[in-house]
């Protein structure tokens, strides 16, 4: 299966015409349908898709993984370009789902623009439980907390309370040689998200891990804690490959690479992945 990173924080190492931003959008084809996961922070993904020869007018489903603007900011641009796709998002996302970040600066609004959802409501489907979308693709909404969530979550609010990320879902794709799990930010934590898929054989994880580098005297996961997450992942899912970017910090990338060696890869904007 081919997966393409339409936009990410990391620039393309060779193609200077590819646009980059703090956001994520992923494209893939499966079960006779064309899928997008998220649409970045703006309309920049459209130019990148054109550069890559991907016609976004043909996309059948847009899956909005959670309610943050760096994953939903391009929604209006997508819906103006594509006139047929169904947009799927959590039923927990509504006018009262107001998300804020306190990391690095004063409290700032990072919410989805729900007025866009309302404007195109006839094309929207709200998901409130684990749901099979096609023969081999499933949305995972029920995610456990058997393992610690990323520490950087403590800088994120829903209204005035700590965000529990009940508005985040993951995608599970079954293949003959193991499942592929996609979670754009993995706010529930990598191990919780993989476990929630219900699959014991997972060959690939794609997405951010929200293991952000500590900064400005704000400490998140230590190197030892990150190495523990990587080791547990490797032990529970032998042979799994981690393909990550967006909200995965350089310290986490270094520690995962050290533990998982060739089974770890850091993606970039415009990258085509053969999974």
Protein backbone atom coordinates (compact mmCIF):
# COMPACT_ATOMS: atom_id res chain seq x y z
CA UNK A 1 0.00 0.00 0.00
CA UNK A 2 1.24 3.48 -0.91
CA UNK A 3 0.94 6.29 1.62
CA UNK A 4 1.88 9.89 0.83
CA UNK A 5 2.64 12.66 3.32
CA UNK A 6 0.92 15.67 1.74
CA UNK A 7 2.24 18.09 4.35
CA UNK A 8 4.30 17.91 7.55
CA UNK A 9 6.59 20.02 9.72
CA UNK A 10 9.71 18.62 8.03
CA UNK A 11 10.54 19.98 4.55
CA UNK A 12 11.29 17.77 1.57
CA UNK A 13 15.07 17.27 1.51
CA UNK A 14 15.34 17.74 -2.27
CA UNK A 15 12.18 19.38 -3.65
CA UNK A 16 12.13 23.06 -2.65
CA UNK A 17 8.73 23.58 -4.27
CA UNK A 18 7.02 21.46 -1.61
CA UNK A 19 5.36 23.64 1.04
CA UNK A 20 5.81 22.95 4.75
CA UNK A 21 3.93 23.97 7.90
CA UNK A 22 3.23 22.85 11.45
CA UNK A 23 0.47 20.47 10.43
CA UNK A 24 -0.16 17.06 8.95
CA UNK A 25 -2.08 15.55 6.05
CA UNK A 26 -1.78 11.97 4.82
CA UNK A 27 -3.16 10.38 1.62
CA UNK A 28 -3.59 6.71 0.76
CA UNK A 29 -5.66 4.37 -1.40
CA UNK A 30 -7.29 1.17 -0.12
CA UNK A 31 -10.35 -1.00 -0.79
CA UNK A 32 -11.13 0.85 -4.01
CA UNK A 33 -11.38 4.23 -2.25
CA UNK A 34 -9.13 7.25 -1.87
CA UNK A 35 -8.60 8.52 1.66
CA UNK A 36 -7.14 11.55 3.39
CA UNK A 37 -6.28 11.76 7.07
CA UNK A 38 -6.39 15.42 8.13
CA UNK A 39 -5.83 18.48 5.97
CA UNK A 40 -3.02 20.42 7.61
CA UNK A 41 -3.21 23.91 9.08
CA UNK A 42 -4.01 25.72 5.82
CA UNK A 43 -4.55 25.14 2.11
CA UNK A 44 -0.88 24.44 1.44
CA UNK A 45 -1.52 20.69 1.10
CA UNK A 46 -3.41 21.41 -2.14
CA UNK A 47 -0.31 22.75 -3.89
CA UNK A 48 1.74 19.82 -2.63
CA UNK A 49 -0.82 17.30 -3.88
CA UNK A 50 -0.76 18.91 -7.32
CA UNK A 51 3.04 18.81 -7.26
CA UNK A 52 2.85 15.09 -6.43
CA UNK A 53 0.31 14.33 -9.16
CA UNK A 54 -2.50 13.52 -6.71
CA UNK A 55 -5.97 14.72 -7.72
CA UNK A 56 -7.74 15.56 -4.46
CA UNK A 57 -11.06 15.94 -6.31
CA UNK A 58 -11.10 12.14 -6.37
CA UNK A 59 -10.80 11.67 -2.59
CA UNK A 60 -13.77 9.70 -1.21
CA UNK A 61 -13.23 10.16 2.54
CA UNK A 62 -11.55 12.79 4.70
CA UNK A 63 -10.88 11.52 8.23
CA UNK A 64 -10.31 14.32 10.75
CA UNK A 65 -8.35 12.67 13.53
CA UNK A 66 -9.04 15.25 16.26
CA UNK A 67 -10.16 18.82 16.86
CA UNK A 68 -6.88 20.74 16.56
CA UNK A 69 -6.38 23.45 13.95
CA UNK A 70 -3.05 22.10 12.66
CA UNK A 71 -5.01 19.06 11.41
CA UNK A 72 -8.25 20.75 10.37
CA UNK A 73 -7.24 24.26 9.27
CA UNK A 74 -7.35 23.29 5.59
CA UNK A 75 -10.92 21.95 5.78
CA UNK A 76 -12.60 24.79 3.86
CA UNK A 77 -9.92 24.60 1.14
CA UNK A 78 -10.48 20.85 0.80
CA UNK A 79 -14.29 21.09 0.64
CA UNK A 80 -14.14 23.87 -1.95
CA UNK A 81 -11.85 21.70 -4.10
CA UNK A 82 -13.52 18.33 -3.55
CA UNK A 83 -17.28 18.19 -3.98
CA UNK A 84 -17.98 14.54 -3.14
CA UNK A 85 -15.94 13.34 -0.15
CA UNK A 86 -17.56 12.43 3.14
CA UNK A 87 -15.91 14.04 6.15
CA UNK A 88 -15.70 11.87 9.27
CA UNK A 89 -14.94 13.21 12.73
CA UNK A 90 -15.67 12.39 16.33
CA UNK A 91 -19.14 13.09 17.70
CA UNK A 92 -17.33 14.80 20.60
CA UNK A 93 -16.41 17.64 18.25
CA UNK A 94 -18.99 20.44 18.30
CA UNK A 95 -19.30 24.17 18.97
CA UNK A 96 -18.34 23.58 22.60
CA UNK A 97 -15.17 21.65 21.80
CA UNK A 98 -12.78 24.56 22.37
CA UNK A 99 -9.16 23.50 22.42
CA UNK A 100 -6.32 25.59 23.81
CA UNK A 101 -2.55 25.25 24.16
CA UNK A 102 -0.50 26.79 26.95
CA UNK A 103 2.85 25.50 25.73
CA UNK A 104 5.53 28.03 24.89
CA UNK A 105 3.37 31.12 25.24
CA UNK A 106 0.14 32.49 26.65
CA UNK A 107 -3.02 30.41 26.30
CA UNK A 108 -4.00 30.30 22.63
CA UNK A 109 -6.94 28.84 20.74
CA UNK A 110 -6.07 25.81 18.57
CA UNK A 111 -9.66 24.67 17.89
CA UNK A 112 -11.23 23.43 14.70
CA UNK A 113 -13.32 26.12 12.95
CA UNK A 114 -16.65 24.43 13.55
CA UNK A 115 -18.51 26.96 11.39
CA UNK A 116 -16.95 25.20 8.37
CA UNK A 117 -18.37 21.89 9.60
CA UNK A 118 -21.80 23.48 9.93
CA UNK A 119 -21.57 25.03 6.47
CA UNK A 120 -20.96 21.60 4.91
CA UNK A 121 -22.94 19.56 7.44
CA UNK A 122 -24.63 17.44 4.74
CA UNK A 123 -21.22 15.99 3.89
CA UNK A 124 -20.26 15.27 7.51
CA UNK A 125 -20.59 12.03 9.42
CA UNK A 126 -20.01 12.00 13.18
CA UNK A 127 -18.50 8.84 14.68
CA UNK A 128 -19.21 7.83 18.28
CA UNK A 129 -17.90 4.26 18.40
CA UNK A 130 -15.43 1.91 16.74
CA UNK A 131 -16.61 1.78 13.12
CA UNK A 132 -15.79 -0.29 10.06
CA UNK A 133 -15.58 2.01 7.05
CA UNK A 134 -14.71 -0.49 4.32
CA UNK A 135 -13.60 -4.10 4.02
CA UNK A 136 -10.25 -3.50 5.71
CA UNK A 137 -10.41 -0.01 7.27
CA UNK A 138 -11.63 0.72 10.79
CA UNK A 139 -11.89 3.84 12.94
CA UNK A 140 -10.80 3.29 16.53
CA UNK A 141 -12.51 5.65 18.99
CA UNK A 142 -12.34 3.59 22.19
CA UNK A 143 -8.74 4.03 23.33
CA UNK A 144 -7.68 2.75 26.75
CA UNK A 145 -5.35 4.33 29.29
CA UNK A 146 -3.40 1.29 30.36
CA UNK A 147 -0.15 3.13 29.64
CA UNK A 148 0.80 6.73 30.43
CA UNK A 149 -0.34 9.40 28.00
CA UNK A 150 2.25 11.83 26.60
CA UNK A 151 3.31 14.36 29.23
CA UNK A 152 2.92 17.26 26.77
CA UNK A 153 -0.85 16.69 26.97
CA UNK A 154 -0.78 18.61 30.24
CA UNK A 155 -0.26 21.82 28.24
CA UNK A 156 -3.49 21.24 26.28
CA UNK A 157 -6.98 22.17 27.41
CA UNK A 158 -10.56 21.59 26.31
CA UNK A 159 -12.31 24.75 27.50
CA UNK A 160 -10.78 25.28 30.96
CA UNK A 161 -10.15 21.64 31.78
CA UNK A 162 -7.34 19.24 30.84
CA UNK A 163 -8.13 17.73 27.46
CA UNK A 164 -8.96 14.01 27.71
CA UNK A 165 -8.75 13.63 23.90
CA UNK A 166 -12.01 11.74 23.68
CA UNK A 167 -12.32 13.60 20.35
CA UNK A 168 -9.32 11.77 18.86
CA UNK A 169 -9.59 8.58 16.80
CA UNK A 170 -7.07 6.32 15.11
CA UNK A 171 -7.29 4.36 11.87
CA UNK A 172 -6.56 0.65 11.57
CA UNK A 173 -5.99 -0.96 8.17
CA UNK A 174 -5.93 -4.74 7.99
CA UNK A 175 -3.55 -6.36 5.51
CA UNK A 176 -2.63 -10.04 5.00
CA UNK A 177 0.73 -9.57 6.74
CA UNK A 178 -0.38 -7.41 9.67
CA UNK A 179 -2.24 -4.23 10.50
CA UNK A 180 -1.27 -0.64 9.74
CA UNK A 181 -2.24 1.86 12.44
CA UNK A 182 -2.41 5.61 11.72
CA UNK A 183 -2.80 8.25 14.42
CA UNK A 184 -1.91 11.80 13.46
CA UNK A 185 -0.83 12.98 16.93
CA UNK A 186 -1.39 9.96 19.18
CA UNK A 187 -2.39 12.08 22.18
CA UNK A 188 -3.55 8.89 23.91
CA UNK A 189 -0.02 7.52 23.66
CA UNK A 190 1.53 5.08 21.22
CA UNK A 191 1.06 1.95 23.34
CA UNK A 192 -2.56 2.76 24.22
CA UNK A 193 -3.37 3.45 20.58
CA UNK A 194 -1.77 0.28 19.28
CA UNK A 195 -3.50 -1.77 21.97
CA UNK A 196 -6.88 -0.20 21.12
CA UNK A 197 -6.63 -1.53 17.57
CA UNK A 198 -7.21 -5.01 18.99
CA UNK A 199 -4.58 -6.44 16.66
CA UNK A 200 -1.67 -8.47 17.98
CA UNK A 201 0.14 -8.39 14.63
CA UNK A 202 0.85 -4.76 13.69
CA UNK A 203 3.42 -4.25 10.99
CA UNK A 204 3.47 -0.43 10.74
CA UNK A 205 2.55 2.61 12.79
CA UNK A 206 2.30 5.93 10.90
CA UNK A 207 1.84 9.32 12.53
CA UNK A 208 3.11 11.63 15.25
CA UNK A 209 3.69 10.36 18.79
CA UNK A 210 3.35 13.63 20.73
CA UNK A 211 6.69 12.95 22.42
CA UNK A 212 7.82 16.56 22.36
CA UNK A 213 11.28 17.75 23.32
CA UNK A 214 11.54 19.38 26.75
CA UNK A 215 12.20 23.11 26.53
CA UNK A 216 12.29 26.31 28.59
CA UNK A 217 12.58 24.36 31.83
CA UNK A 218 9.40 22.42 30.96
CA UNK A 219 10.23 18.72 31.14
CA UNK A 220 8.36 16.03 29.30
CA UNK A 221 9.51 12.40 28.81
CA UNK A 222 13.11 11.62 29.70
CA UNK A 223 15.36 9.65 27.38
CA UNK A 224 14.95 6.65 29.66
CA UNK A 225 11.15 6.88 29.53
CA UNK A 226 11.17 7.19 25.73
CA UNK A 227 13.52 4.22 25.40
CA UNK A 228 11.09 2.27 27.60
CA UNK A 229 8.18 3.11 25.29
CA UNK A 230 10.20 2.02 22.26
CA UNK A 231 11.34 -1.22 23.93
CA UNK A 232 7.81 -2.11 25.08
CA UNK A 233 6.46 -1.40 21.60
CA UNK A 234 9.10 -3.63 20.05
CA UNK A 235 8.44 -6.43 22.57
CA UNK A 236 4.63 -6.36 22.25
CA UNK A 237 4.63 -6.01 18.44
CA UNK A 238 7.69 -7.85 17.10
CA UNK A 239 8.87 -6.50 13.78
CA UNK A 240 6.70 -3.36 13.91
CA UNK A 241 8.00 -0.38 11.96
CA UNK A 242 7.46 3.12 13.35
CA UNK A 243 7.11 5.83 10.69
CA UNK A 244 6.72 9.17 12.43
CA UNK A 245 7.03 12.93 12.21
CA UNK A 246 4.94 16.05 12.96
CA UNK A 247 4.76 16.08 16.80
CA UNK A 248 7.60 13.65 17.48
CA UNK A 249 10.60 15.51 18.89
CA UNK A 250 14.22 14.96 17.96
CA UNK A 251 15.06 13.39 21.33
CA UNK A 252 12.25 10.86 20.90
CA UNK A 253 13.33 10.18 17.32
CA UNK A 254 16.91 9.59 18.45
CA UNK A 255 15.90 7.19 21.22
CA UNK A 256 13.45 5.24 19.04
CA UNK A 257 16.12 4.96 16.35
CA UNK A 258 18.59 3.66 18.91
CA UNK A 259 16.17 0.99 20.11
CA UNK A 260 14.45 0.07 16.84
CA UNK A 261 17.31 0.76 14.36
CA UNK A 262 16.08 0.05 10.81
CA UNK A 263 12.47 -0.31 11.99
CA UNK A 264 12.29 3.42 12.71
CA UNK A 265 11.82 6.14 10.08
CA UNK A 266 11.20 9.91 10.33
CA UNK A 267 8.98 11.13 7.46
CA UNK A 268 8.86 14.48 5.65
CA UNK A 269 6.53 16.52 3.45
CA UNK A 270 5.98 14.93 0.05
CA UNK A 271 7.34 11.53 1.01
CA UNK A 272 5.83 8.44 -0.62
CA UNK A 273 5.87 5.47 1.74
CA UNK A 274 5.58 1.88 0.57
CA UNK A 275 3.95 0.02 3.45
